[in-house]
Protein backbone atom coordinates (compact mmCIF):
# COMPACT_ATOMS: atom_id res chain seq x y z
CA MET A 1 122.56 82.53 122.20
CA THR A 2 123.09 86.26 122.32
CA ALA A 3 123.09 88.08 125.63
CA ASN A 4 119.97 90.03 124.74
CA ARG A 5 117.90 87.11 123.54
CA PRO A 6 114.43 87.21 125.19
CA ASP A 7 113.56 84.47 127.65
CA LEU A 8 110.76 82.52 125.95
CA PRO A 9 108.72 79.54 127.15
CA LEU A 10 109.70 76.15 125.70
CA HIS A 11 106.92 74.81 123.49
CA SER A 12 105.43 71.54 124.67
CA ARG A 13 103.64 69.29 122.20
CA ALA A 14 100.15 68.80 123.59
CA GLU A 15 98.34 65.49 123.61
CA ALA A 16 95.69 66.04 120.97
CA ALA A 17 94.09 64.56 117.90
CA ALA A 18 96.34 64.22 114.87
CA PRO A 19 96.99 67.59 113.18
CA PRO A 20 94.83 68.44 110.15
CA LEU A 21 97.32 67.42 107.45
CA ALA A 22 98.68 64.27 109.11
CA GLY A 23 99.30 61.68 106.39
CA VAL A 24 99.99 64.24 103.64
CA ARG A 25 103.52 64.04 102.21
CA VAL A 26 105.05 67.11 100.55
CA VAL A 27 108.31 67.12 98.59
CA ASP A 28 109.69 70.64 98.93
CA PHE A 29 112.14 72.07 96.37
CA THR A 30 111.73 75.65 97.55
CA ARG A 31 114.19 78.17 98.94
CA VAL A 32 114.40 81.82 100.04
CA VAL A 33 110.98 83.11 101.30
CA ALA A 34 107.72 82.49 99.43
CA GLY A 35 108.16 78.75 98.98
CA PRO A 36 109.63 77.87 102.39
CA PHE A 37 107.07 80.03 104.23
CA GLY A 38 104.27 78.17 102.47
CA THR A 39 105.67 74.69 103.07
CA GLN A 40 106.34 75.59 106.71
CA ILE A 41 102.62 76.30 107.10
CA LEU A 42 101.87 72.85 105.68
CA ALA A 43 104.39 71.32 108.10
CA ASP A 44 102.89 73.12 111.09
CA LEU A 45 99.50 71.75 110.05
CA GLY A 46 100.92 68.25 110.25
CA ALA A 47 102.11 67.43 106.73
CA GLU A 48 105.37 65.50 106.34
CA VAL A 49 107.44 68.04 104.42
CA ILE A 50 110.66 66.66 102.93
CA LYS A 51 112.97 69.53 102.01
CA ILE A 52 115.28 68.72 99.09
CA GLU A 53 118.58 70.57 99.45
CA ASN A 54 121.79 71.03 97.54
CA PRO A 55 124.46 68.80 99.14
CA LEU A 56 127.00 71.63 98.81
CA GLY A 57 125.69 73.77 101.64
CA GLY A 58 121.94 73.40 101.35
CA ASP A 59 119.44 76.25 101.28
CA ASP A 60 121.32 79.54 100.83
CA THR A 61 119.36 81.09 103.69
CA ARG A 62 121.12 78.80 106.19
CA THR A 63 123.96 81.33 106.13
CA SER A 64 121.95 84.41 105.21
CA PRO A 65 123.38 87.70 106.54
CA GLY A 66 121.28 90.35 108.21
CA GLY A 67 119.92 88.34 111.11
CA ALA A 68 121.18 86.41 114.10
CA GLU A 69 123.02 83.09 114.13
CA LEU A 70 122.02 80.23 116.41
CA GLY A 71 123.83 76.88 116.46
CA GLY A 72 125.37 77.47 113.04
CA GLU A 73 122.07 78.41 111.36
CA SER A 74 120.76 81.86 110.47
CA SER A 75 117.59 83.16 112.09
CA PHE A 76 116.34 83.74 108.52
CA TYR A 77 116.51 80.01 107.76
CA LEU A 78 115.16 78.99 111.16
CA SER A 79 112.11 81.22 110.73
CA LEU A 80 111.02 79.59 107.44
CA ASN A 81 111.79 75.88 107.74
CA ARG A 82 110.24 74.66 110.96
CA GLY A 83 108.99 71.08 111.08
CA LYS A 84 110.59 69.85 107.84
CA LYS A 85 112.89 66.93 107.05
CA SER A 86 116.11 67.70 105.17
CA VAL A 87 117.33 65.38 102.42
CA ALA A 88 120.44 66.46 100.47
CA VAL A 89 120.35 65.21 96.87
CA ASP A 90 122.36 66.23 93.81
CA LEU A 91 119.69 66.86 91.16
CA LYS A 92 122.39 67.15 88.49
CA SER A 93 123.23 63.46 88.83
CA GLU A 94 121.16 60.69 87.26
CA SER A 95 121.21 58.75 90.53
CA GLY A 96 120.00 61.79 92.41
CA ARG A 97 117.08 62.26 90.03
CA ARG A 98 116.15 58.58 90.45
CA ILE A 99 115.97 59.15 94.20
CA ILE A 100 113.61 62.06 93.60
CA LEU A 101 111.37 60.02 91.28
CA ASP A 102 111.18 57.24 93.86
CA LEU A 103 110.31 59.80 96.52
CA LEU A 104 107.66 61.50 94.37
CA ALA A 105 105.98 58.13 93.82
CA THR A 106 105.13 58.22 97.55
CA ALA A 107 104.16 61.90 97.68
CA ASP A 108 100.90 63.83 97.60
CA VAL A 109 102.32 67.27 96.82
CA LEU A 110 105.39 68.77 95.12
CA VAL A 111 106.19 72.45 95.70
CA GLU A 112 108.93 74.27 93.76
CA ASN A 113 109.90 77.89 93.21
CA PHE A 114 112.64 77.66 90.60
CA THR A 115 112.44 79.46 87.30
CA GLY A 116 110.62 77.32 84.74
CA ALA A 117 113.75 76.15 82.95
CA VAL A 118 115.28 74.51 86.03
CA MET A 119 112.71 71.78 86.61
CA ARG A 120 112.48 71.16 82.84
CA ARG A 121 116.24 70.62 82.73
CA PHE A 122 115.97 67.97 85.45
CA GLY A 123 112.95 66.32 83.84
CA LEU A 124 110.91 67.20 86.92
CA ASP A 125 108.52 69.77 85.43
CA TYR A 126 104.78 69.14 85.53
CA PRO A 127 104.35 67.99 81.90
CA SER A 128 107.13 65.42 82.42
CA LEU A 129 105.51 64.01 85.57
CA ARG A 130 101.79 64.33 84.83
CA GLU A 131 101.26 60.91 83.22
CA ARG A 132 103.74 59.13 85.46
CA LEU A 133 102.22 60.56 88.67
CA PRO A 134 98.56 61.39 87.91
CA THR A 135 97.59 61.89 91.56
CA LEU A 136 100.38 64.38 92.34
CA VAL A 137 99.44 67.97 93.21
CA TYR A 138 102.28 69.96 91.64
CA CYS A 139 102.62 73.56 92.90
CA SER A 140 104.85 76.04 91.06
CA ILE A 141 105.59 79.37 92.76
CA SER A 142 107.26 81.94 90.53
CA ALA A 143 107.56 85.65 89.91
CA TYR A 144 105.23 85.87 86.89
CA GLY A 145 103.60 82.45 86.61
CA ARG A 146 104.18 79.62 84.16
CA SER A 147 102.51 81.38 81.21
CA GLY A 148 103.07 84.70 79.49
CA ARG A 149 106.16 86.51 78.26
CA ASN A 150 107.91 86.37 81.66
CA ALA A 151 107.22 82.69 82.38
CA ASP A 152 110.91 81.86 82.80
CA ALA A 153 111.95 85.12 84.47
CA ALA A 154 113.41 85.23 87.95
CA GLY A 155 112.05 87.69 90.47
CA TYR A 156 112.08 88.84 94.06
CA ASP A 157 109.53 90.54 96.25
CA SER A 158 110.47 94.20 95.77
CA PRO A 159 110.79 94.33 91.95
CA VAL A 160 107.57 92.37 91.49
CA THR A 161 105.73 94.56 94.01
CA ALA A 162 106.95 97.61 92.09
CA GLU A 163 105.76 96.29 88.73
CA ALA A 164 102.38 95.33 90.20
CA GLY A 165 101.66 98.94 91.19
CA ALA A 166 101.68 98.41 94.94
CA LEU A 167 105.00 100.10 95.67
CA GLY A 168 103.94 103.19 93.72
CA LEU A 169 101.19 103.83 96.25
CA ASN A 170 103.93 104.50 98.83
CA ARG A 171 105.32 107.42 96.83
CA HIS A 172 105.06 110.64 98.81
CA GLU A 173 102.77 113.33 97.41
CA SER A 174 105.85 115.59 97.17
CA GLY A 175 107.16 113.31 94.42
CA ARG A 176 109.87 111.59 96.46
CA ALA A 177 110.61 107.99 95.48
CA PRO A 178 108.62 105.28 97.29
CA VAL A 179 110.22 103.53 100.25
CA LEU A 180 110.83 99.78 100.17
CA GLY A 181 109.10 98.00 103.01
CA ALA A 182 111.04 95.94 105.55
CA ILE A 183 108.53 93.07 105.37
CA PRO A 184 108.27 91.12 102.06
CA TYR A 185 104.47 91.15 101.97
CA THR A 186 104.25 89.91 98.39
CA ASP A 187 106.43 86.89 99.22
CA LEU A 188 104.44 86.09 102.34
CA SER A 189 101.01 86.52 100.77
CA THR A 190 102.13 84.45 97.76
CA ALA A 191 102.95 81.67 100.20
CA LEU A 192 99.48 81.92 101.72
CA ASN A 193 97.89 81.75 98.27
CA ALA A 194 99.98 78.67 97.46
CA VAL A 195 98.82 76.93 100.64
CA ILE A 196 95.17 77.76 99.91
CA ALA A 197 95.49 76.46 96.34
CA VAL A 198 97.29 73.26 97.39
CA LEU A 199 94.62 72.49 99.98
CA ALA A 200 91.92 73.15 97.36
CA ALA A 201 93.67 70.79 94.92
CA LEU A 202 93.92 68.09 97.58
CA ARG A 203 90.20 68.50 98.30
CA ALA A 204 89.44 68.17 94.58
CA ARG A 205 91.59 65.02 94.47
CA ASP A 206 89.47 63.57 97.28
CA ARG A 207 86.53 63.75 94.85
CA ASP A 208 88.03 62.52 91.58
CA GLY A 209 91.39 60.97 92.49
CA LEU A 210 93.40 63.25 90.21
CA GLY A 211 96.19 65.70 90.91
CA GLN A 212 96.73 68.92 88.99
CA HIS A 213 99.13 71.79 88.39
CA VAL A 214 98.87 74.74 90.80
CA ASP A 215 100.42 77.86 89.23
CA VAL A 216 101.01 80.65 91.78
CA ALA A 217 102.54 83.96 90.66
CA MET A 218 103.94 86.70 92.87
CA PHE A 219 102.85 89.32 90.33
CA ASP A 220 99.26 88.04 90.39
CA THR A 221 99.35 88.07 94.19
CA ALA A 222 100.61 91.65 94.37
CA VAL A 223 97.90 92.78 91.92
CA ALA A 224 95.23 90.92 93.90
CA ASN A 225 96.48 92.66 97.05
CA LEU A 226 95.64 96.02 95.46
CA SER A 227 92.03 95.06 96.21
CA PHE A 228 89.77 98.13 96.52
CA GLN A 229 92.53 100.41 95.19
CA ALA A 230 92.49 98.44 91.93
CA ALA A 231 88.70 98.33 91.94
CA ALA A 232 88.52 102.12 92.18
CA PHE A 233 90.82 102.56 89.18
CA LEU A 234 88.97 99.95 87.11
CA ALA A 235 85.66 101.65 87.89
CA SER A 236 86.78 105.22 87.22
CA GLY A 237 90.10 105.26 85.36
CA THR A 238 91.50 107.54 88.08
CA GLU A 239 94.75 106.62 89.83
CA PRO A 240 94.40 106.12 93.62
CA ALA A 241 95.70 108.84 95.91
CA LEU A 242 99.31 108.31 96.96
CA ASN A 243 100.18 106.84 100.34
CA VAL A 244 96.73 107.48 101.80
CA ARG A 245 93.34 105.84 102.05
CA ARG A 246 90.61 108.44 101.59
CA THR A 247 88.02 106.25 103.29
CA ALA A 248 88.31 107.54 106.85
CA MET A 249 89.41 110.81 108.41
CA PRO A 250 91.20 111.02 110.72
CA ARG A 251 93.23 107.96 109.85
CA GLY A 252 97.01 107.84 110.04
CA VAL A 253 100.16 108.08 112.10
CA PHE A 254 100.34 110.87 114.67
CA ASP A 255 103.35 111.94 116.71
CA THR A 256 102.84 111.87 120.46
CA ALA A 257 104.91 113.27 123.30
CA ASP A 258 106.98 110.08 123.43
CA GLY A 259 106.64 108.41 120.04
CA SER A 260 103.93 107.78 117.47
CA MET A 261 100.56 106.10 117.27
CA VAL A 262 97.98 105.15 114.66
CA ILE A 263 94.27 105.82 114.87
CA THR A 264 91.44 105.02 112.46
CA CYS A 265 88.28 106.99 113.06
CA ALA A 266 85.74 105.42 110.70
CA GLY A 267 82.37 107.14 110.54
CA GLU A 268 80.62 109.99 112.30
CA LYS A 269 79.84 108.08 115.49
CA MET A 270 83.55 107.52 116.12
CA PHE A 271 84.37 111.09 115.16
CA ARG A 272 81.86 112.37 117.70
CA ALA A 273 83.50 110.20 120.38
CA LEU A 274 86.91 111.52 119.32
CA CYS A 275 85.76 115.14 119.65
CA LEU A 276 83.96 114.75 122.97
CA ASP A 277 85.91 112.05 124.83
CA VAL A 278 89.45 112.01 123.43
CA VAL A 279 90.68 115.40 122.17
CA HIS A 280 87.97 117.51 123.86
CA ARG A 281 87.18 119.58 120.79
CA PRO A 282 83.35 119.66 120.63
CA ASP A 283 83.59 122.73 118.37
CA TRP A 284 84.74 120.49 115.50
CA LEU A 285 81.25 119.00 115.37
CA ASP A 286 79.88 122.40 114.34
CA THR A 287 82.77 123.47 112.11
CA PRO A 288 81.66 123.08 108.45
CA GLU A 289 85.18 122.17 107.29
CA PHE A 290 85.42 119.28 109.79
CA SER A 291 81.87 118.24 110.71
CA THR A 292 81.45 115.47 108.10
CA GLN A 293 83.71 112.75 106.74
CA GLN A 294 83.72 114.21 103.24
CA ALA A 295 84.44 117.70 104.58
CA ARG A 296 87.39 116.39 106.61
CA ILE A 297 88.75 114.58 103.57
CA ARG A 298 88.45 117.73 101.43
CA ASN A 299 90.18 119.77 104.14
CA SER A 300 92.54 117.04 105.30
CA ALA A 301 95.69 119.20 105.41
CA ALA A 302 94.16 121.72 107.80
CA PHE A 303 92.42 119.07 109.87
CA LEU A 304 95.55 116.94 110.27
CA ARG A 305 97.56 119.99 111.37
CA GLU A 306 95.05 120.44 114.20
CA MET A 307 95.32 116.76 115.13
CA ASP A 308 99.13 116.85 115.09
CA ALA A 309 99.21 119.84 117.44
CA ILE A 310 96.93 118.10 119.94
CA PHE A 311 98.53 114.64 119.95
CA THR A 312 102.05 115.89 120.72
CA ARG A 313 100.83 117.11 124.12
CA GLU A 314 100.44 113.65 125.72
CA SER A 315 102.14 110.26 125.66
CA GLY A 316 101.06 107.41 123.43
CA ALA A 317 99.86 105.48 126.48
CA VAL A 318 97.52 108.32 127.50
CA TRP A 319 96.06 108.68 124.01
CA SER A 320 95.75 104.92 123.61
CA GLN A 321 93.82 104.65 126.87
CA ARG A 322 91.47 107.47 125.89
CA CYS A 323 90.86 106.13 122.38
CA LYS A 324 90.17 102.59 123.53
CA ARG A 325 87.82 103.81 126.24
CA ALA A 326 85.95 105.78 123.55
CA GLY A 327 85.81 102.78 121.20
CA ILE A 328 88.21 104.20 118.62
CA PRO A 329 90.70 101.69 117.11
CA CYS A 330 94.27 102.75 117.83
CA GLY A 331 97.75 101.38 118.31
CA VAL A 332 101.04 102.72 119.63
CA VAL A 333 103.86 102.30 117.09
CA ARG A 334 106.07 99.66 118.70
CA SER A 335 109.46 98.28 117.83
CA VAL A 336 109.65 94.63 116.77
CA GLY A 337 111.10 93.74 120.17
CA ASP A 338 108.41 95.58 122.09
CA ALA A 339 105.71 93.79 120.09
CA LEU A 340 107.23 90.34 120.67
CA ILE A 341 107.50 90.78 124.44
CA SER A 342 104.15 92.55 124.78
CA ASP A 343 101.31 91.36 126.98
CA GLU A 344 99.27 90.59 123.87
CA ALA A 345 101.98 88.29 122.47
CA SER A 346 102.40 86.55 125.82
CA GLU A 347 98.69 86.04 126.43
CA ARG A 348 98.18 84.55 122.96
CA GLU A 349 101.38 82.42 123.19
CA VAL A 350 102.58 83.95 119.93
CA VAL A 351 106.30 83.35 120.55
CA PHE A 352 108.05 80.39 122.11
CA ASP A 353 111.22 78.29 121.91
CA LEU A 354 111.71 74.91 120.26
CA PRO A 355 114.48 72.45 121.20
CA HIS A 356 117.31 72.35 118.66
CA PRO A 357 120.20 69.87 118.32
CA THR A 358 123.01 72.43 117.95
CA ALA A 359 121.59 75.66 119.39
CA GLY A 360 119.83 74.11 122.37
CA ARG A 361 116.76 76.25 121.78
CA VAL A 362 115.59 78.37 118.85
CA PRO A 363 112.73 80.90 118.78
CA ALA A 364 109.53 80.36 116.83
CA ILE A 365 106.42 82.38 116.01
CA ALA A 366 103.08 80.59 116.13
CA GLN A 367 100.68 80.44 113.23
CA PRO A 368 98.01 83.16 113.63
CA TYR A 369 95.15 80.74 114.23
CA ARG A 370 94.21 78.28 116.96
CA LEU A 371 92.46 74.99 116.18
CA SER A 372 90.67 73.72 119.28
CA ARG A 373 90.72 70.00 118.45
CA THR A 374 93.59 69.51 115.98
CA PRO A 375 96.23 72.11 116.88
CA CYS A 376 99.36 72.88 114.89
CA ASP A 377 102.34 70.60 115.47
CA TYR A 378 105.42 72.80 115.89
CA ARG A 379 108.73 70.98 115.36
CA THR A 380 112.30 72.22 115.07
CA PRO A 381 113.93 73.18 111.72
CA PRO A 382 116.24 70.48 110.32
CA LEU A 383 120.00 70.43 110.03
CA LEU A 384 121.35 69.94 106.51
CA ALA A 385 120.89 66.29 105.42
CA GLU A 386 119.56 65.40 108.88
CA HIS A 387 116.94 63.04 107.44
CA SER A 388 118.69 61.73 104.31
CA ARG A 389 119.39 58.29 105.75
CA GLU A 390 115.94 58.02 107.38
CA VAL A 391 114.11 58.80 104.14
CA LEU A 392 116.30 56.52 102.01
CA THR A 393 115.95 53.55 104.36
CA ASP A 394 112.58 53.84 106.07
CA LEU A 395 110.58 55.43 103.27
CA LEU A 396 112.26 54.25 100.07
CA GLY A 397 113.60 50.92 101.33
CA TYR A 398 117.18 51.40 100.11
CA ASP A 399 119.71 49.07 101.76
CA GLU A 400 122.98 50.23 103.27
CA ARG A 401 125.05 49.04 100.31
CA HIS A 402 122.93 51.07 97.89
CA ILE A 403 123.12 54.13 100.12
CA ALA A 404 126.91 53.80 100.39
CA VAL A 405 127.22 53.79 96.59
CA LEU A 406 124.96 56.84 96.30
CA GLU A 407 127.01 58.66 98.91
CA LYS A 408 130.32 57.73 97.27
CA ASP A 409 129.05 58.92 93.88
CA GLY A 410 127.93 62.24 95.38
CA ALA A 411 124.26 61.69 94.58
CA VAL A 412 123.29 62.08 98.21
CA ARG A 413 124.78 63.59 101.34
CA LEU A 414 124.25 62.09 104.77
CA MET A 415 124.48 64.22 107.88
CA ASP A 416 127.38 62.12 109.20
CA SER A 417 129.07 62.10 105.78
CA THR A 418 132.77 62.75 105.37
CA GLN A 419 132.64 62.06 101.62
CA PRO A 420 133.17 65.26 99.58
CA VAL A 421 130.43 65.94 97.08
CA PRO A 422 131.77 66.72 93.59
CA GLU A 423 130.66 69.89 91.84
């Protein structure tokens, strides 16, 4: 652990009813962000998620730069793979593919986020499996979906977000290039859409006994996230205003004496409270340029200059207290660290530690919902190949001689393996 690592409570697994997805088995071929984030949600909800990894090092994010390292694993990997089982199989070998087919025969769900050609090459694409495994829910997560001109194209969050029009909304009105966000919102929301669709497909299977293909595209997700901005363009043909929502005024980031804060003053009732109880400018209520929402929007530059001059006089804490007392939604702009150790995070038990075999303890962030009777089941992320032997013996019924041959041939890696895996 690093010297500055926050002291977090150790999560204890509560005695409760089985989690919601207990009994659901998911075979997980995903890596990087969108896929692993989605399958982690399924794992937290109680599904048995079996992560298939490359024997030659596993998921690339295990050694991803840019974060911290705990017990030989990157914080990037640890944040996206909680509660899974790791099985290391060489999909390029015929024996490895036979293992996968045996495993899929026991599974409810397959999730993959390769380009389309990869699973076809291994004979593990949906058309190849549909008749053999008619009850399987097969979820494909990709940049542009499994149809259309870009069906086999690779993609990451930022380029797809740019092509979907969302990044362009962050372009400054001066014409400066848009700024890439630090959080991959398209990846994360694609994962949420995949989870929703998988659960819907499982519910449909409860009715008719049949699986189906779930096709989830990052591009489609980013377009859907445009929401009312897209609706306004489709209704009028006019491009949305850049980097601003003209639905409330004042709304935005304001510098304070010691930092910045955000307020959203929606409607005239809130504006009246702002004038009388927060900034003490009752004259604004009688100023034609500011007295109505539409007037403030039309004269936003002048109005925001007035707001900026006022807010720099006091600290964020003072303004936050005044706004909240007046019923105006607001928030001080915090650092990531300040947010994670805040009273709100502590009271809601948002962050905690999980026991880990090499790091001792690793941090985790709770799912943003609480189920009163069947809570989430948070378990530690797996080491590479940690569960290979368990799955081969207990689930698939392979004997030790068979496993030894598979290991010798490089089709599978065991966590205690000393056998090199051929490229």
